[in-house]
């Protein structure tokens, strides 16, 4: 019996250590100077940090939670946030929106959303002129101003819904997370 327990313990430990660390466990170090790019980047980083912790430890019960028949489930809200993260990233990549995503598990959606936000933040942080980034929908283009009040603000809004939904389904926001400091104690 002890042999099996030891094997299980080693297997479980190696499994945990081999898991890839996702972005936004903490907010990255703040840039030294304030520019339009570093400011927009920091907004995206704040979104990424909030999303990381809002979605950390969600259960199947949490993902299925729906406050009423007209509202999205938590998982449908997460799908929407993934789509918003793609719009944000596509603006920084200067590509049109509309590509279909393959079917993904919750863990894959979470990882993809965090990676989208991290990549967009990096591009913005290094940019000397964020006016070059436009949201493109077919032949219609919107300036980056609309990305701020559109998908970035909307995603922050929906992350708050995920936090509210998880609380309502009995799984509150993890303790020790400081959105002000961007760290977990």
Protein backbone atom coordinates (compact mmCIF):
# COMPACT_ATOMS: atom_id res chain seq x y z
CA UNK A 1 0.00 0.00 0.00
CA UNK A 2 2.84 2.39 0.86
CA UNK A 3 4.37 1.69 -2.56
CA UNK A 4 1.21 2.86 -4.32
CA UNK A 5 0.95 5.94 -2.14
CA UNK A 6 4.59 6.86 -2.85
CA UNK A 7 4.08 6.31 -6.59
CA UNK A 8 0.91 8.44 -6.54
CA UNK A 9 2.67 11.20 -4.59
CA UNK A 10 5.62 11.30 -7.03
CA UNK A 11 3.31 11.20 -10.05
CA UNK A 12 1.06 13.95 -8.68
CA UNK A 13 4.03 16.17 -7.74
CA UNK A 14 5.63 15.78 -11.17
CA UNK A 15 2.31 16.51 -12.84
CA UNK A 16 1.90 19.74 -10.91
CA UNK A 17 5.50 20.83 -11.52
CA UNK A 18 5.22 20.12 -15.24
CA UNK A 19 2.16 22.31 -15.68
CA UNK A 20 2.84 25.48 -17.60
CA UNK A 21 2.62 28.67 -15.57
CA UNK A 22 -0.06 30.93 -16.98
CA UNK A 23 0.41 34.68 -17.42
CA UNK A 24 -0.98 37.16 -14.90
CA UNK A 25 -0.56 35.33 -11.63
CA UNK A 26 0.85 38.77 -10.79
CA UNK A 27 0.78 42.02 -12.75
CA UNK A 28 4.15 42.55 -14.43
CA UNK A 29 6.52 45.24 -13.18
CA UNK A 30 5.25 48.70 -14.09
CA UNK A 31 7.09 50.50 -16.89
CA UNK A 32 9.40 53.33 -15.82
CA UNK A 33 7.72 55.93 -18.04
CA UNK A 34 4.16 56.84 -18.87
CA UNK A 35 3.40 56.76 -22.58
CA UNK A 36 0.18 56.04 -24.45
CA UNK A 37 1.52 52.51 -25.12
CA UNK A 38 2.58 51.75 -21.55
CA UNK A 39 -0.72 53.13 -20.22
CA UNK A 40 -2.83 51.00 -22.59
CA UNK A 41 -0.58 48.02 -21.83
CA UNK A 42 -1.15 48.46 -18.10
CA UNK A 43 -4.93 48.53 -18.63
CA UNK A 44 -4.66 45.18 -20.41
CA UNK A 45 -2.40 43.83 -17.65
CA UNK A 46 -4.99 44.85 -15.04
CA UNK A 47 -7.62 42.99 -17.03
CA UNK A 48 -5.37 39.93 -17.31
CA UNK A 49 -4.68 39.85 -13.57
CA UNK A 50 -8.37 40.18 -12.71
CA UNK A 51 -9.29 37.49 -15.25
CA UNK A 52 -6.62 35.10 -13.95
CA UNK A 53 -7.97 35.24 -10.41
CA UNK A 54 -11.65 35.44 -11.36
CA UNK A 55 -11.27 32.16 -13.27
CA UNK A 56 -8.80 30.40 -10.95
CA UNK A 57 -10.31 27.32 -9.33
CA UNK A 58 -13.68 27.43 -11.09
CA UNK A 59 -15.61 24.17 -10.89
CA UNK A 60 -18.13 22.62 -13.27
CA UNK A 61 -20.85 23.91 -10.95
CA UNK A 62 -19.43 27.44 -11.23
CA UNK A 63 -19.15 27.24 -15.02
CA UNK A 64 -22.78 26.14 -15.32
CA UNK A 65 -24.08 28.86 -12.99
CA UNK A 66 -26.66 31.17 -14.53
CA UNK A 67 -28.34 33.88 -12.41
CA UNK A 68 -31.54 33.69 -14.44
CA UNK A 69 -32.89 32.33 -17.73
CA UNK A 70 -32.02 35.50 -19.68
CA UNK A 71 -28.41 35.71 -18.46
CA UNK A 72 -25.34 33.93 -19.77
CA UNK A 73 -23.81 31.10 -17.80
CA UNK A 74 -20.36 31.67 -16.35
CA UNK A 75 -18.86 29.57 -19.17
CA UNK A 76 -20.73 31.59 -21.81
CA UNK A 77 -19.39 34.76 -20.17
CA UNK A 78 -15.88 33.29 -20.33
CA UNK A 79 -16.45 32.53 -24.03
CA UNK A 80 -17.41 36.18 -24.54
CA UNK A 81 -14.28 37.39 -22.71
CA UNK A 82 -12.17 35.11 -24.93
CA UNK A 83 -13.75 36.75 -27.98
CA UNK A 84 -13.03 40.21 -26.57
CA UNK A 85 -9.40 39.25 -25.91
CA UNK A 86 -9.15 38.24 -29.57
CA UNK A 87 -10.49 41.63 -30.70
CA UNK A 88 -7.94 43.39 -28.47
CA UNK A 89 -5.09 41.24 -29.78
CA UNK A 90 -6.21 41.53 -33.40
CA UNK A 91 -6.15 45.33 -33.12
CA UNK A 92 -2.51 45.21 -32.01
CA UNK A 93 -1.67 42.68 -34.74
CA UNK A 94 -3.47 44.86 -37.30
CA UNK A 95 -5.62 41.96 -38.51
CA UNK A 96 -9.33 41.72 -39.17
CA UNK A 97 -11.66 40.02 -36.72
CA UNK A 98 -13.88 37.12 -37.64
CA UNK A 99 -11.72 33.99 -37.52
CA UNK A 100 -13.50 31.05 -35.89
CA UNK A 101 -11.93 29.42 -32.85
CA UNK A 102 -11.73 25.65 -32.53
CA UNK A 103 -13.66 23.96 -29.73
CA UNK A 104 -11.72 24.23 -26.50
CA UNK A 105 -12.01 23.08 -22.92
CA UNK A 106 -12.41 25.65 -20.17
CA UNK A 107 -8.69 25.32 -19.32
CA UNK A 108 -7.75 25.92 -22.97
CA UNK A 109 -10.04 28.96 -23.20
CA UNK A 110 -8.58 30.38 -20.00
CA UNK A 111 -5.02 29.88 -21.21
CA UNK A 112 -5.77 31.35 -24.66
CA UNK A 113 -7.45 34.42 -23.15
CA UNK A 114 -4.51 35.08 -20.84
CA UNK A 115 -2.00 34.59 -23.67
CA UNK A 116 -3.98 36.91 -25.97
CA UNK A 117 -3.94 39.62 -23.32
CA UNK A 118 -0.25 39.14 -22.59
CA UNK A 119 0.68 39.38 -26.28
CA UNK A 120 -1.47 42.49 -26.82
CA UNK A 121 0.04 44.12 -23.72
CA UNK A 122 3.58 43.46 -24.94
CA UNK A 123 2.86 45.01 -28.34
CA UNK A 124 1.23 48.07 -26.76
CA UNK A 125 4.04 48.52 -24.22
CA UNK A 126 6.67 48.59 -26.96
CA UNK A 127 4.65 50.84 -29.27
CA UNK A 128 5.59 54.44 -29.96
CA UNK A 129 2.23 55.15 -31.64
CA UNK A 130 -0.87 53.25 -30.57
CA UNK A 131 -3.03 55.16 -33.06
CA UNK A 132 -1.83 52.63 -35.64
CA UNK A 133 -3.90 49.92 -33.97
CA UNK A 134 -7.43 49.71 -35.27
CA UNK A 135 -10.22 47.25 -34.73
CA UNK A 136 -11.15 45.85 -38.12
CA UNK A 137 -14.53 44.27 -38.82
CA UNK A 138 -14.83 43.56 -42.54
CA UNK A 139 -14.44 46.93 -44.26
CA UNK A 140 -15.16 48.91 -41.09
CA UNK A 141 -12.28 50.17 -38.96
CA UNK A 142 -12.45 51.73 -35.51
CA UNK A 143 -9.60 53.69 -33.89
CA UNK A 144 -7.88 52.37 -30.79
CA UNK A 145 -10.01 54.74 -28.69
CA UNK A 146 -12.88 52.36 -29.37
CA UNK A 147 -10.79 49.39 -28.23
CA UNK A 148 -10.42 51.10 -24.85
CA UNK A 149 -14.09 51.89 -24.31
CA UNK A 150 -15.19 48.78 -26.22
CA UNK A 151 -13.53 45.37 -25.71
CA UNK A 152 -11.09 46.35 -22.94
CA UNK A 153 -13.73 47.99 -20.73
CA UNK A 154 -16.30 45.36 -21.68
CA UNK A 155 -13.97 42.51 -20.71
CA UNK A 156 -13.29 44.16 -17.33
CA UNK A 157 -17.06 44.44 -16.83
CA UNK A 158 -17.57 40.75 -17.64
CA UNK A 159 -14.73 39.63 -15.38
CA UNK A 160 -16.68 41.32 -12.59
CA UNK A 161 -19.68 39.22 -13.58
CA UNK A 162 -17.58 36.04 -13.34
CA UNK A 163 -16.56 37.07 -9.82
CA UNK A 164 -20.20 37.71 -8.90
CA UNK A 165 -21.36 34.45 -10.48
CA UNK A 166 -18.72 32.36 -8.71
CA UNK A 167 -19.67 33.96 -5.39
CA UNK A 168 -23.33 33.16 -6.10
CA UNK A 169 -22.49 29.54 -6.90
CA UNK A 170 -20.66 29.16 -3.58
CA UNK A 171 -17.04 29.63 -4.69
CA UNK A 172 -15.88 33.14 -3.70
CA UNK A 173 -12.95 35.04 -5.19
CA UNK A 174 -9.66 33.66 -3.83
CA UNK A 175 -8.47 35.27 -0.60
CA UNK A 176 -5.29 37.33 -0.60
CA UNK A 177 -5.64 38.73 -4.13
CA UNK A 178 -4.95 42.47 -4.21
CA UNK A 179 -6.11 44.08 -7.46
CA UNK A 180 -4.55 47.35 -6.24
CA UNK A 181 -1.09 45.84 -5.83
CA UNK A 182 -1.45 43.22 -8.54
CA UNK A 183 -0.26 40.45 -6.26
CA UNK A 184 -1.53 37.51 -4.27
CA UNK A 185 -0.33 37.19 -0.69
